[in-house]
Amino acid sequence: MSSVYYWSADNSSGEIDFLVQLEDKIIPIEVKAKENLQAKSLKSFVKKYPALHGIRTSMSHFREQDWMTNIPLYAIGVPGVL
């Protein structure tokens, strides 16, 4: 069973759409409606907590970066994607 949370910076300059806990793993998730690939809040959050790997969902194709993975919106419900 997983828990889902939302995070907002104290100074309101950033937010993470979802923080998902899967067992002992925390996954920050940023959701983008189109191909807007800017994820400043997600990048800042992962930089602050470097042990985490971010997930961004968007209309863009699957892509892996050192700090983040982009998952196409159509694939987010596929078992094993997270």
Protein backbone atom coordinates (compact mmCIF):
# COMPACT_ATOMS: atom_id res chain seq x y z
CA MET A 1 0.00 0.00 0.00
CA SER A 2 1.32 3.46 -0.83
CA SER A 3 0.69 6.85 0.68
CA VAL A 4 0.30 10.02 -1.41
CA TYR A 5 1.22 13.53 -0.25
CA TYR A 6 1.55 17.06 -1.64
CA TRP A 7 4.49 19.39 -0.88
CA SER A 8 4.77 23.17 -1.05
CA ALA A 9 7.81 25.26 -0.15
CA ASP A 10 7.54 27.51 2.90
CA ASN A 11 8.12 30.57 0.71
CA SER A 12 5.49 29.39 -1.83
CA SER A 13 8.05 29.42 -4.65
CA GLY A 14 7.63 25.76 -5.47
CA GLU A 15 5.39 22.75 -5.16
CA ILE A 16 5.48 19.05 -5.90
CA ASP A 17 2.19 17.66 -7.22
CA PHE A 18 2.57 14.28 -5.53
CA LEU A 19 4.95 12.67 -3.06
CA VAL A 20 4.35 8.93 -3.15
CA GLN A 21 5.70 6.54 -0.55
CA LEU A 22 6.22 2.97 -1.77
CA GLU A 23 7.59 0.88 1.09
CA ASP A 24 10.76 2.74 2.17
CA LYS A 25 11.02 4.76 -1.06
CA ILE A 26 9.80 8.38 -1.55
CA ILE A 27 9.02 9.41 -5.14
CA PRO A 28 8.40 13.09 -6.00
CA ILE A 29 6.07 13.39 -9.03
CA GLU A 30 5.41 16.46 -11.16
CA VAL A 31 2.47 16.36 -13.61
CA LYS A 32 2.53 18.43 -16.79
CA ALA A 33 -0.57 18.66 -18.98
CA LYS A 34 1.26 19.23 -22.27
CA GLU A 35 4.84 19.00 -23.46
CA ASN A 36 5.90 21.79 -21.08
CA LEU A 37 9.04 20.10 -19.85
CA GLN A 38 10.06 22.69 -17.29
CA ALA A 39 9.97 21.11 -13.87
CA LYS A 40 11.76 23.75 -11.80
CA SER A 41 10.12 22.75 -8.52
CA LEU A 42 10.89 19.07 -9.08
CA LYS A 43 14.51 19.80 -9.98
CA SER A 44 14.90 22.03 -6.93
CA PHE A 45 13.32 19.41 -4.65
CA VAL A 46 15.56 16.61 -5.94
CA LYS A 47 18.60 18.88 -5.61
CA LYS A 48 17.63 19.51 -1.97
CA TYR A 49 17.13 15.75 -1.38
CA PRO A 50 19.70 14.11 -3.70
CA ALA A 51 18.85 10.56 -2.62
CA LEU A 52 15.51 10.93 -4.44
CA HIS A 53 14.84 10.41 -8.15
CA GLY A 54 12.02 12.52 -9.57
CA ILE A 55 9.25 11.47 -11.92
CA ARG A 56 7.65 13.88 -14.39
CA THR A 57 4.61 12.92 -16.41
CA SER A 58 3.85 14.81 -19.60
CA MET A 59 2.82 14.37 -23.22
CA SER A 60 6.50 13.95 -24.08
CA HIS A 61 8.13 10.58 -24.74
CA PHE A 62 9.82 8.42 -22.13
CA ARG A 63 13.24 9.80 -21.20
CA GLU A 64 15.71 9.14 -18.45
CA GLN A 65 17.94 11.79 -16.89
CA ASP A 66 20.29 11.47 -13.94
CA TRP A 67 17.86 13.22 -11.54
CA MET A 68 14.49 12.54 -13.19
CA THR A 69 12.52 10.19 -15.46
CA ASN A 70 9.79 11.46 -17.79
CA ILE A 71 6.88 9.04 -18.18
CA PRO A 72 4.31 9.76 -20.90
CA LEU A 73 0.86 10.46 -19.45
CA TYR A 74 -0.63 7.49 -21.31
CA ALA A 75 1.80 5.12 -19.53
CA ILE A 76 1.47 6.34 -15.94
CA GLY A 77 -1.02 3.61 -14.94
CA VAL A 78 1.00 0.73 -16.39
CA PRO A 79 2.06 -1.69 -13.64
CA GLY A 80 5.77 -1.52 -12.88
CA VAL A 81 6.31 1.92 -14.41
CA LEU A 82 7.04 3.49 -11.02
